[in-house]
């Protein structure tokens, strides 16, 4: 097994990030701000003591600074990456103190503000200022980042299945160490109406299909790094990833090392890296990472499930031809923090075999007997024609219009990666009391409560140029190739 092995020594960072909590209600995601400022119009300031005394789960919500960066000069990238990692560490420390300070907060309703939230704001302000200075040395200093320093304390609902109990991987009300999921995160797939719609294909559409076969991670290559979002930072993902394709994956892998590495793909011309958060069954199993960052130390507990099938297809554009992706193009689909960031970038979906015309984003499906769980991620298929990455890791690529298939102005259509993962996992037996044993859940940041809407996937293109040209020709001429 290859678990968090890095090519150079590193100091392990203690980081259990924590941001906003949202309750899932009939109308969608509902935020409960329990640390509202007294001057907010129409907002009744609810003291944390009242919330925690009632047994409700709470968490810390901080603006995502990295997502707000539109331009980072190459000379500033290393320092900016370090400061963004430090922001995560600061929130981690504040969240851990919050979780361990319930008694103090109950006794003194100002404790959270004075001892946790106030100091956190000051630390974040200093780190954000250093980010702005670093960018300003080589480019235009970003304005308004300081407004992102303040965080809020939020409650995540109450009542059955929403409490902050001490579940240790057995499902039930508390889920993974109080971080979820809960019974309300699951829905019977047979009760969901068909909802898949595809844009019509025009006469000049690229109708071909290219399939690359890269296995299911039987090599057990796992780590909690994220080379795209947090290069050079150990445990940058704060959850464990499955990897297929390129076998040299960690936070410190260079493009040259990607190109020279081995691959699990059948066609050795594909050394791309495909990775996603692991799925776990909360059955009490102590995995290799049960006490490590990224694993049990950050609320990700239970048996890691290996997909029974991984399908990696590249498809065309419904309006016209596609062009080759540039080598080392990086694409993130979905949002690991969608539960707190909002749903703008949430697009990974859940379903069951035999029911894939019914896709879910904010619920886990309960599949009928004989049906398997399916996770599907469609990656962005429009490229800006210039960059292999961008400051926020999103601006250089985009989705085609879901109604017409057209790319945004100035973007070019490239082959679209459609990643499909199948798991043979027994569905939880949901009871009237809201309990279930065991749940399954996707790995994630602890403050995201293991919600299905946080599912996501990552891809770095390391196809050799010859195979990429073959892929484009195959798709543009309507063939099926591999």
Protein backbone atom coordinates (compact mmCIF):
# COMPACT_ATOMS: atom_id res chain seq x y z
CA UNK A 1 0.00 0.00 0.00
CA UNK A 2 1.14 3.56 -0.67
CA UNK A 3 -0.17 5.88 2.00
CA UNK A 4 0.91 9.53 2.21
CA UNK A 5 4.44 8.82 1.05
CA UNK A 6 6.25 12.02 0.05
CA UNK A 7 9.54 12.57 -1.71
CA UNK A 8 11.00 14.90 0.92
CA UNK A 9 10.69 15.36 4.67
CA UNK A 10 7.91 17.67 5.82
CA UNK A 11 6.56 18.96 9.10
CA UNK A 12 3.03 17.61 9.53
CA UNK A 13 0.49 20.38 9.81
CA UNK A 14 -2.31 20.14 12.33
CA UNK A 15 -5.31 21.34 10.35
CA UNK A 16 -8.92 20.50 10.85
CA UNK A 17 -10.53 23.28 8.85
CA UNK A 18 -13.98 24.43 9.81
CA UNK A 19 -16.42 26.70 8.05
CA UNK A 20 -20.13 27.40 7.84
CA UNK A 21 -22.79 24.86 8.66
CA UNK A 22 -26.03 24.53 6.75
CA UNK A 23 -29.12 22.57 7.61
CA UNK A 24 -30.85 20.57 4.92
CA UNK A 25 -34.52 21.45 4.88
CA UNK A 26 -37.37 20.92 2.45
CA UNK A 27 -36.60 24.21 0.75
CA UNK A 28 -32.91 23.46 0.26
CA UNK A 29 -29.82 24.52 2.19
CA UNK A 30 -30.65 26.84 5.08
CA UNK A 31 -27.96 28.66 7.07
CA UNK A 32 -28.42 29.42 10.74
CA UNK A 33 -26.14 32.25 11.88
CA UNK A 34 -25.80 31.89 15.63
CA UNK A 35 -23.21 34.60 15.96
CA UNK A 36 -25.09 37.42 14.27
CA UNK A 37 -23.84 40.91 15.02
CA UNK A 38 -26.19 42.93 17.19
CA UNK A 39 -26.34 45.68 14.56
CA UNK A 40 -27.58 43.36 11.80
CA UNK A 41 -31.01 44.44 10.70
CA UNK A 42 -33.64 41.95 11.75
CA UNK A 43 -31.09 39.53 13.18
CA UNK A 44 -31.55 38.34 16.74
CA UNK A 45 -28.11 37.63 18.19
CA UNK A 46 -28.20 34.09 19.55
CA UNK A 47 -25.43 33.33 22.01
CA UNK A 48 -23.36 30.19 21.38
CA UNK A 49 -24.09 29.05 24.94
CA UNK A 50 -27.77 28.75 24.09
CA UNK A 51 -27.00 26.76 20.97
CA UNK A 52 -24.42 24.40 22.46
CA UNK A 53 -26.44 23.91 25.63
CA UNK A 54 -29.27 22.63 23.46
CA UNK A 55 -26.95 20.01 21.95
CA UNK A 56 -26.95 21.44 18.43
CA UNK A 57 -23.96 20.94 16.17
CA UNK A 58 -22.04 24.11 15.38
CA UNK A 59 -19.11 25.04 13.20
CA UNK A 60 -17.05 28.00 12.04
CA UNK A 61 -17.73 29.68 8.71
CA UNK A 62 -14.92 31.63 7.06
CA UNK A 63 -14.89 33.16 3.57
CA UNK A 64 -12.87 31.15 1.05
CA UNK A 65 -9.94 33.48 0.33
CA UNK A 66 -8.38 31.23 -2.33
CA UNK A 67 -11.58 31.24 -4.36
CA UNK A 68 -11.52 35.05 -4.49
CA UNK A 69 -8.05 35.32 -6.02
CA UNK A 70 -8.25 36.20 -9.70
CA UNK A 71 -4.56 36.66 -10.46
CA UNK A 72 -1.41 35.45 -8.71
CA UNK A 73 1.96 36.22 -10.34
CA UNK A 74 4.30 33.24 -10.67
CA UNK A 75 6.79 34.93 -8.33
CA UNK A 76 4.17 35.07 -5.57
CA UNK A 77 2.59 31.62 -5.93
CA UNK A 78 4.74 29.80 -3.37
CA UNK A 79 4.14 32.35 -0.62
CA UNK A 80 0.45 32.64 -1.43
CA UNK A 81 0.09 28.85 -1.23
CA UNK A 82 1.79 28.86 2.18
CA UNK A 83 -0.42 31.63 3.49
CA UNK A 84 -3.58 29.91 2.23
CA UNK A 85 -2.46 26.77 4.05
CA UNK A 86 -1.88 28.85 7.16
CA UNK A 87 -5.44 30.16 6.93
CA UNK A 88 -6.67 26.57 6.98
CA UNK A 89 -4.47 25.84 9.99
CA UNK A 90 -5.81 28.88 11.85
CA UNK A 91 -9.41 27.83 11.28
CA UNK A 92 -8.45 24.30 12.28
CA UNK A 93 -7.13 25.42 15.63
CA UNK A 94 -10.18 27.60 16.25
CA UNK A 95 -12.55 24.76 15.34
CA UNK A 96 -10.77 22.32 17.63
CA UNK A 97 -10.98 24.79 20.49
CA UNK A 98 -14.66 25.35 19.79
CA UNK A 99 -15.34 21.61 19.94
CA UNK A 100 -13.47 21.29 23.24
CA UNK A 101 -14.89 24.44 24.88
CA UNK A 102 -18.59 23.62 25.20
CA UNK A 103 -18.52 23.86 28.99
CA UNK A 104 -16.69 27.20 28.96
CA UNK A 105 -19.11 28.61 26.38
CA UNK A 106 -22.11 27.45 28.41
CA UNK A 107 -20.71 29.18 31.48
CA UNK A 108 -19.68 32.39 29.68
CA UNK A 109 -21.61 33.34 26.54
CA UNK A 110 -18.81 35.75 25.53
CA UNK A 111 -16.13 33.09 25.66
CA UNK A 112 -16.44 32.09 22.01
CA UNK A 113 -16.13 35.70 20.85
CA UNK A 114 -13.28 36.68 23.15
CA UNK A 115 -11.24 33.48 23.14
CA UNK A 116 -11.94 31.96 19.71
CA UNK A 117 -13.60 34.15 17.09
CA UNK A 118 -11.83 37.45 17.87
CA UNK A 119 -8.30 36.00 17.86
CA UNK A 120 -9.12 34.02 14.71
CA UNK A 121 -10.10 37.21 12.90
CA UNK A 122 -6.85 38.92 13.91
CA UNK A 123 -4.72 35.99 12.70
CA UNK A 124 -6.59 35.77 9.43
CA UNK A 125 -6.27 39.51 8.84
CA UNK A 126 -2.48 39.26 9.15
CA UNK A 127 -2.24 36.27 6.78
CA UNK A 128 -4.55 37.89 4.23
CA UNK A 129 -2.48 41.08 4.38
CA UNK A 130 0.66 39.06 3.62
CA UNK A 131 -1.11 37.51 0.62
CA UNK A 132 -2.02 40.93 -0.73
CA UNK A 133 1.53 42.23 -0.20
CA UNK A 134 3.07 39.20 -1.95
CA UNK A 135 0.83 39.62 -4.98
CA UNK A 136 1.41 43.38 -5.01
CA UNK A 137 5.18 42.98 -5.24
CA UNK A 138 4.89 41.46 -8.73
CA UNK A 139 1.47 42.57 -9.92
CA UNK A 140 -1.62 44.52 -8.95
CA UNK A 141 -2.36 44.28 -5.25
CA UNK A 142 -5.86 42.82 -4.76
CA UNK A 143 -8.32 45.10 -3.02
CA UNK A 144 -10.90 44.17 -0.41
CA UNK A 145 -9.39 40.88 0.76
CA UNK A 146 -9.23 42.19 4.33
CA UNK A 147 -13.02 42.02 4.48
CA UNK A 148 -12.68 38.22 4.31
CA UNK A 149 -10.95 38.01 7.69
CA UNK A 150 -14.08 37.82 9.85
CA UNK A 151 -15.67 34.42 10.42
CA UNK A 152 -19.01 33.42 11.93
CA UNK A 153 -20.13 30.68 14.25
CA UNK A 154 -23.09 28.73 12.90
CA UNK A 155 -25.38 25.99 14.06
CA UNK A 156 -26.27 23.02 11.89
CA UNK A 157 -29.88 22.35 12.78
CA UNK A 158 -31.08 20.36 15.75
CA UNK A 159 -33.22 17.38 16.55
CA UNK A 160 -32.86 13.71 15.46
CA UNK A 161 -29.81 13.07 13.37
CA UNK A 162 -28.48 16.63 13.65
CA UNK A 163 -26.86 16.54 17.07
CA UNK A 164 -23.21 16.85 17.96
CA UNK A 165 -22.87 13.44 19.50
CA UNK A 166 -19.84 11.21 19.72
CA UNK A 167 -20.53 8.80 16.90
CA UNK A 168 -17.39 6.92 16.00
CA UNK A 169 -18.17 5.50 12.61
CA UNK A 170 -21.31 3.56 13.42
CA UNK A 171 -23.80 5.76 11.60
CA UNK A 172 -26.70 6.63 13.88
CA UNK A 173 -27.60 10.15 14.86
CA UNK A 174 -24.10 11.59 15.02
CA UNK A 175 -22.42 10.04 12.00
CA UNK A 176 -18.65 10.28 11.79
CA UNK A 177 -17.60 11.74 15.16
CA UNK A 178 -20.44 14.20 15.05
CA UNK A 179 -19.60 15.34 11.51
CA UNK A 180 -22.40 13.46 9.70
CA UNK A 181 -23.90 12.25 7.56
CA UNK A 182 -27.40 11.96 9.02
CA UNK A 183 -30.54 10.13 7.97
CA UNK A 184 -31.93 13.19 6.19
CA UNK A 185 -28.96 13.10 3.81
CA UNK A 186 -30.34 9.92 2.18
CA UNK A 187 -33.27 9.42 -0.19
CA UNK A 188 -34.85 6.41 -1.89
CA UNK A 189 -33.77 6.64 -5.54
CA UNK A 190 -37.03 5.06 -6.67
CA UNK A 191 -38.88 8.09 -5.29
CA UNK A 192 -36.84 10.50 -7.44
CA UNK A 193 -38.29 11.56 -10.78
CA UNK A 194 -36.15 11.32 -13.95
CA UNK A 195 -34.29 14.61 -14.26
CA UNK A 196 -31.48 14.17 -16.81
CA UNK A 197 -31.61 16.55 -19.76
CA UNK A 198 -29.00 16.80 -22.52
CA UNK A 199 -28.64 19.63 -25.05
CA UNK A 200 -29.62 18.67 -28.61
CA UNK A 201 -26.81 17.70 -30.96
CA UNK A 202 -26.40 19.87 -34.03
CA UNK A 203 -25.32 18.53 -37.40
CA UNK A 204 -21.67 19.42 -36.81
CA UNK A 205 -21.49 17.87 -33.33
CA UNK A 206 -18.46 15.80 -32.32
CA UNK A 207 -20.15 12.49 -31.49
CA UNK A 208 -17.23 10.16 -30.85
CA UNK A 209 -16.15 8.49 -27.60
CA UNK A 210 -12.66 7.82 -26.28
CA UNK A 211 -12.29 5.50 -23.28
CA UNK A 212 -9.17 5.13 -21.16
CA UNK A 213 -8.98 2.15 -18.81
CA UNK A 214 -6.95 2.85 -15.68
CA UNK A 215 -8.22 0.37 -13.08
CA UNK A 216 -9.95 0.95 -9.75
CA UNK A 217 -6.99 1.76 -7.45
CA UNK A 218 -6.26 -1.83 -6.52
CA UNK A 219 -2.75 -0.51 -5.89
CA UNK A 220 -4.24 1.30 -2.87
CA UNK A 221 -2.56 4.59 -3.69
CA UNK A 222 -3.97 7.00 -1.11
CA UNK A 223 -2.98 10.32 0.38
CA UNK A 224 -4.59 13.47 1.72
CA UNK A 225 -2.65 15.88 -0.50
CA UNK A 226 -4.06 17.98 -3.34
CA UNK A 227 -1.46 18.89 -5.95
CA UNK A 228 -3.88 21.23 -7.78
CA UNK A 229 -5.31 23.28 -4.92
CA UNK A 230 -2.45 23.04 -2.44
CA UNK A 231 0.85 22.32 -4.22
CA UNK A 232 3.72 21.93 -1.81
CA UNK A 233 1.47 21.50 1.23
CA UNK A 234 1.19 18.13 2.96
CA UNK A 235 -2.41 17.17 3.84
CA UNK A 236 -3.70 20.01 1.70
CA UNK A 237 -6.99 18.20 1.05
CA UNK A 238 -7.78 17.31 4.69
CA UNK A 239 -9.40 14.11 3.40
CA UNK A 240 -8.13 10.97 1.70
CA UNK A 241 -8.06 10.56 -2.09
CA UNK A 242 -8.22 7.53 -4.38
CA UNK A 243 -5.84 7.74 -7.34
CA UNK A 244 -5.83 5.98 -10.71
CA UNK A 245 -3.61 6.65 -13.68
CA UNK A 246 -0.38 8.36 -12.71
CA UNK A 247 1.36 6.61 -9.82
CA UNK A 248 3.53 9.52 -8.68
CA UNK A 249 0.94 11.64 -6.91
CA UNK A 250 1.54 13.86 -3.95
CA UNK A 251 1.67 17.56 -3.14
CA UNK A 252 5.26 17.86 -4.36
CA UNK A 253 5.06 16.09 -7.73
CA UNK A 254 6.40 18.21 -10.59
CA UNK A 255 5.20 18.13 -14.19
CA UNK A 256 8.48 16.46 -15.14
CA UNK A 257 7.87 13.73 -12.55
CA UNK A 258 4.32 13.23 -13.81
CA UNK A 259 5.65 12.77 -17.35
CA UNK A 260 8.26 10.22 -16.23
CA UNK A 261 6.05 8.24 -13.84
CA UNK A 262 4.38 4.87 -14.20
CA UNK A 263 0.66 4.69 -14.90
CA UNK A 264 -2.11 2.23 -14.06
CA UNK A 265 -3.74 3.00 -17.42
CA UNK A 266 -3.82 0.20 -19.97
CA UNK A 267 -2.65 2.58 -22.69
CA UNK A 268 0.74 3.73 -21.45
CA UNK A 269 0.37 6.95 -23.41
CA UNK A 270 -2.05 8.12 -20.72
CA UNK A 271 -0.11 9.16 -17.63
CA UNK A 272 -2.86 11.52 -16.50
CA UNK A 273 -3.83 11.62 -12.86
CA UNK A 274 -7.45 11.05 -11.89
CA UNK A 275 -8.35 11.38 -8.22
CA UNK A 276 -11.38 11.77 -5.97
CA UNK A 277 -12.27 11.59 -2.26
CA UNK A 278 -12.65 8.04 -1.00
CA UNK A 279 -16.03 6.64 -0.01
CA UNK A 280 -16.23 5.00 3.42
CA UNK A 281 -18.63 2.65 5.12
CA UNK A 282 -19.12 3.73 8.72
CA UNK A 283 -18.89 0.25 10.14
CA UNK A 284 -16.31 0.90 12.87
CA UNK A 285 -13.34 -0.33 10.82
CA UNK A 286 -10.04 1.26 11.82
CA UNK A 287 -8.34 2.03 8.55
CA UNK A 288 -4.61 2.76 8.10
CA UNK A 289 -5.40 6.48 8.54
CA UNK A 290 -7.64 6.10 11.60
CA UNK A 291 -5.39 8.36 13.67
CA UNK A 292 -3.88 10.47 10.90
CA UNK A 293 -4.62 13.88 9.47
CA UNK A 294 -6.86 13.47 6.47
CA UNK A 295 -8.37 10.40 8.11
CA UNK A 296 -9.74 9.78 11.58
CA UNK A 297 -8.00 12.80 13.10
CA UNK A 298 -10.18 14.97 10.86
CA UNK A 299 -13.42 13.01 11.20
CA UNK A 300 -13.03 10.68 8.20
CA UNK A 301 -13.60 7.26 9.69
CA UNK A 302 -14.68 3.80 8.60
CA UNK A 303 -13.78 1.28 5.93
CA UNK A 304 -12.51 2.70 2.65
CA UNK A 305 -14.52 1.24 -0.22
CA UNK A 306 -12.84 0.43 -3.52
CA UNK A 307 -15.00 1.04 -6.58
CA UNK A 308 -16.02 -2.12 -8.41
CA UNK A 309 -15.88 -0.19 -11.68
CA UNK A 310 -14.22 3.04 -12.82
CA UNK A 311 -15.16 4.36 -16.27
CA UNK A 312 -13.22 7.28 -17.74
CA UNK A 313 -14.80 8.48 -20.98
CA UNK A 314 -13.95 11.53 -23.06
CA UNK A 315 -16.84 12.84 -25.15
CA UNK A 316 -17.38 15.61 -27.67
CA UNK A 317 -19.34 18.84 -27.93
CA UNK A 318 -22.99 18.92 -29.13
CA UNK A 319 -22.36 21.97 -31.33
CA UNK A 320 -19.05 21.31 -33.07
CA UNK A 321 -15.53 19.90 -33.08
CA UNK A 322 -13.15 19.74 -30.15
CA UNK A 323 -9.48 20.71 -29.96
CA UNK A 324 -6.67 19.05 -28.03
CA UNK A 325 -6.19 19.77 -24.34
CA UNK A 326 -2.81 21.26 -23.46
CA UNK A 327 -0.49 18.95 -21.58
CA UNK A 328 -0.67 19.39 -17.78
CA UNK A 329 -4.08 21.07 -17.96
CA UNK A 330 -5.59 20.95 -14.47
CA UNK A 331 -9.35 20.68 -13.91
CA UNK A 332 -11.37 20.49 -10.70
CA UNK A 333 -15.04 19.61 -10.96
CA UNK A 334 -17.42 20.01 -8.04
CA UNK A 335 -16.57 21.81 -4.80
CA UNK A 336 -15.24 20.15 -1.65
CA UNK A 337 -16.69 23.07 0.35
CA UNK A 338 -20.03 23.37 -1.44
CA UNK A 339 -21.93 22.85 1.82
CA UNK A 340 -20.57 26.17 3.10
CA UNK A 341 -19.47 27.92 -0.11
CA UNK A 342 -22.84 27.48 -1.77
CA UNK A 343 -23.82 25.37 -4.74
CA UNK A 344 -22.43 27.43 -7.64
CA UNK A 345 -19.62 24.94 -8.33
CA UNK A 346 -21.38 21.77 -7.12
CA UNK A 347 -22.00 19.43 -10.02
CA UNK A 348 -20.92 15.90 -9.08
CA UNK A 349 -23.96 13.63 -8.87
CA UNK A 350 -25.15 10.42 -7.20
CA UNK A 351 -27.41 7.69 -8.55
CA UNK A 352 -27.90 3.93 -8.79
CA UNK A 353 -27.42 1.46 -11.62
CA UNK A 354 -30.69 1.09 -13.50
CA UNK A 355 -31.77 4.57 -12.39
CA UNK A 356 -29.12 6.83 -13.92
CA UNK A 357 -31.73 9.04 -15.56
CA UNK A 358 -32.24 10.25 -11.95
CA UNK A 359 -29.26 12.19 -10.63
CA UNK A 360 -28.87 13.71 -7.14
CA UNK A 361 -26.44 16.39 -5.98
CA UNK A 362 -27.50 17.10 -2.38
CA UNK A 363 -28.62 13.61 -1.28
CA UNK A 364 -27.10 10.15 -1.10
CA UNK A 365 -29.27 7.57 -2.89
CA UNK A 366 -30.66 4.48 -1.21
CA UNK A 367 -30.50 1.91 -4.00
CA UNK A 368 -32.90 -1.02 -4.28
CA UNK A 369 -31.69 -4.59 -3.95
CA UNK A 370 -29.60 -5.61 -6.95
CA UNK A 371 -28.67 -2.01 -7.81
CA UNK A 372 -25.23 -0.48 -7.18
CA UNK A 373 -24.28 3.02 -6.06
CA UNK A 374 -22.97 5.36 -8.80
CA UNK A 375 -20.94 8.60 -8.52
CA UNK A 376 -20.69 10.63 -11.73
CA UNK A 377 -18.53 13.68 -12.38
CA UNK A 378 -18.66 15.66 -15.62
CA UNK A 379 -15.64 17.89 -16.01
CA UNK A 380 -15.51 21.31 -17.61
CA UNK A 381 -15.21 21.03 -21.40
CA UNK A 382 -14.35 24.60 -22.43
CA UNK A 383 -10.78 25.95 -22.21
CA UNK A 384 -9.59 29.55 -22.42
CA UNK A 385 -6.96 28.61 -25.02
CA UNK A 386 -4.07 29.95 -22.93
CA UNK A 387 -3.59 28.59 -19.41
CA UNK A 388 -3.22 25.14 -17.85
CA UNK A 389 -4.31 26.53 -14.47
CA UNK A 390 -5.57 29.76 -12.90
CA UNK A 391 -5.33 31.54 -9.55
CA UNK A 392 -8.60 30.05 -8.27
CA UNK A 393 -8.10 26.83 -10.29
CA UNK A 394 -11.39 27.40 -12.12
CA UNK A 395 -11.26 30.51 -14.31
CA UNK A 396 -9.21 28.88 -17.12
CA UNK A 397 -11.94 26.31 -17.84
CA UNK A 398 -15.73 26.47 -18.00
CA UNK A 399 -18.81 24.38 -18.61
CA UNK A 400 -20.65 24.56 -21.91
CA UNK A 401 -24.15 26.03 -21.78
CA UNK A 402 -26.36 23.16 -20.53
CA UNK A 403 -29.15 24.11 -22.95
CA UNK A 404 -27.14 24.73 -26.13
CA UNK A 405 -23.72 23.17 -25.56
CA UNK A 406 -22.00 26.43 -26.52
CA UNK A 407 -18.75 27.46 -24.84
CA UNK A 408 -18.41 30.97 -23.38
CA UNK A 409 -16.98 33.64 -25.68
CA UNK A 410 -13.23 33.21 -26.10
CA UNK A 411 -13.25 29.57 -24.94
CA UNK A 412 -12.61 26.47 -27.06
CA UNK A 413 -14.35 23.11 -26.76
CA UNK A 414 -12.06 20.29 -25.58
CA UNK A 415 -12.86 16.62 -24.92
CA UNK A 416 -15.03 16.34 -21.83
CA UNK A 417 -14.03 13.85 -19.16
CA UNK A 418 -16.99 11.93 -17.75
CA UNK A 419 -15.94 9.94 -14.69
CA UNK A 420 -18.24 7.19 -13.40
CA UNK A 421 -17.57 5.24 -10.20
CA UNK A 422 -19.64 2.20 -9.21
CA UNK A 423 -19.72 0.74 -5.68
CA UNK A 424 -21.26 -2.50 -4.49
CA UNK A 425 -22.36 -1.23 -1.09
CA UNK A 426 -25.44 -2.24 0.84
CA UNK A 427 -27.79 0.71 1.39
CA UNK A 428 -28.43 1.92 4.93
CA UNK A 429 -31.69 0.68 6.41
CA UNK A 430 -33.30 3.94 7.45
CA UNK A 431 -35.57 3.65 10.48
CA UNK A 432 -38.39 5.84 11.73
CA UNK A 433 -36.16 7.11 14.54
CA UNK A 434 -33.67 8.58 12.07
CA UNK A 435 -31.02 5.99 12.88
CA UNK A 436 -29.16 3.78 10.45
CA UNK A 437 -26.24 1.42 10.74
CA UNK A 438 -24.04 1.75 8.91
CA UNK A 439 -24.11 4.85 6.73
CA UNK A 440 -21.73 5.38 3.84
CA UNK A 441 -20.22 8.80 3.20
CA UNK A 442 -17.75 10.65 1.02
CA UNK A 443 -14.58 11.92 2.68
CA UNK A 444 -14.40 15.66 3.20
CA UNK A 445 -13.39 18.61 5.33
CA UNK A 446 -14.83 18.02 8.83
CA UNK A 447 -16.92 21.19 8.77
CA UNK A 448 -18.66 20.00 5.60
CA UNK A 449 -20.49 17.31 7.63
CA UNK A 450 -19.79 14.69 4.91
CA UNK A 451 -22.63 16.05 2.79
CA UNK A 452 -23.06 14.49 -0.67
CA UNK A 453 -23.03 17.94 -2.30
CA UNK A 454 -19.30 18.21 -1.50
CA UNK A 455 -18.32 15.38 -3.85
CA UNK A 456 -15.74 16.39 -6.44
CA UNK A 457 -13.07 15.13 -8.80
CA UNK A 458 -9.64 16.23 -10.02
CA UNK A 459 -7.81 15.63 -13.30
CA UNK A 460 -4.39 16.56 -14.67
CA UNK A 461 -3.87 15.84 -18.36
CA UNK A 462 -0.66 13.88 -18.94
CA UNK A 463 -1.64 12.25 -22.24
CA UNK A 464 1.26 12.20 -24.66
CA UNK A 465 0.65 14.43 -27.66
CA UNK A 466 0.26 11.56 -30.11
CA UNK A 467 -2.48 9.88 -28.06
CA UNK A 468 -4.22 13.22 -27.47
CA UNK A 469 -4.33 13.82 -31.23
CA UNK A 470 -5.80 10.35 -31.68
CA UNK A 471 -8.45 11.10 -29.05
CA UNK A 472 -9.47 14.35 -30.77
CA UNK A 473 -9.67 12.67 -34.19
CA UNK A 474 -11.73 9.81 -32.75
CA UNK A 475 -14.22 12.16 -31.11
CA UNK A 476 -14.47 14.54 -34.07
CA UNK A 477 -15.08 11.72 -36.56
CA UNK A 478 -17.74 9.98 -34.49
CA UNK A 479 -15.76 6.84 -33.64
CA UNK A 480 -15.44 4.79 -30.47
CA UNK A 481 -11.83 4.33 -29.47
CA UNK A 482 -9.59 3.42 -26.56
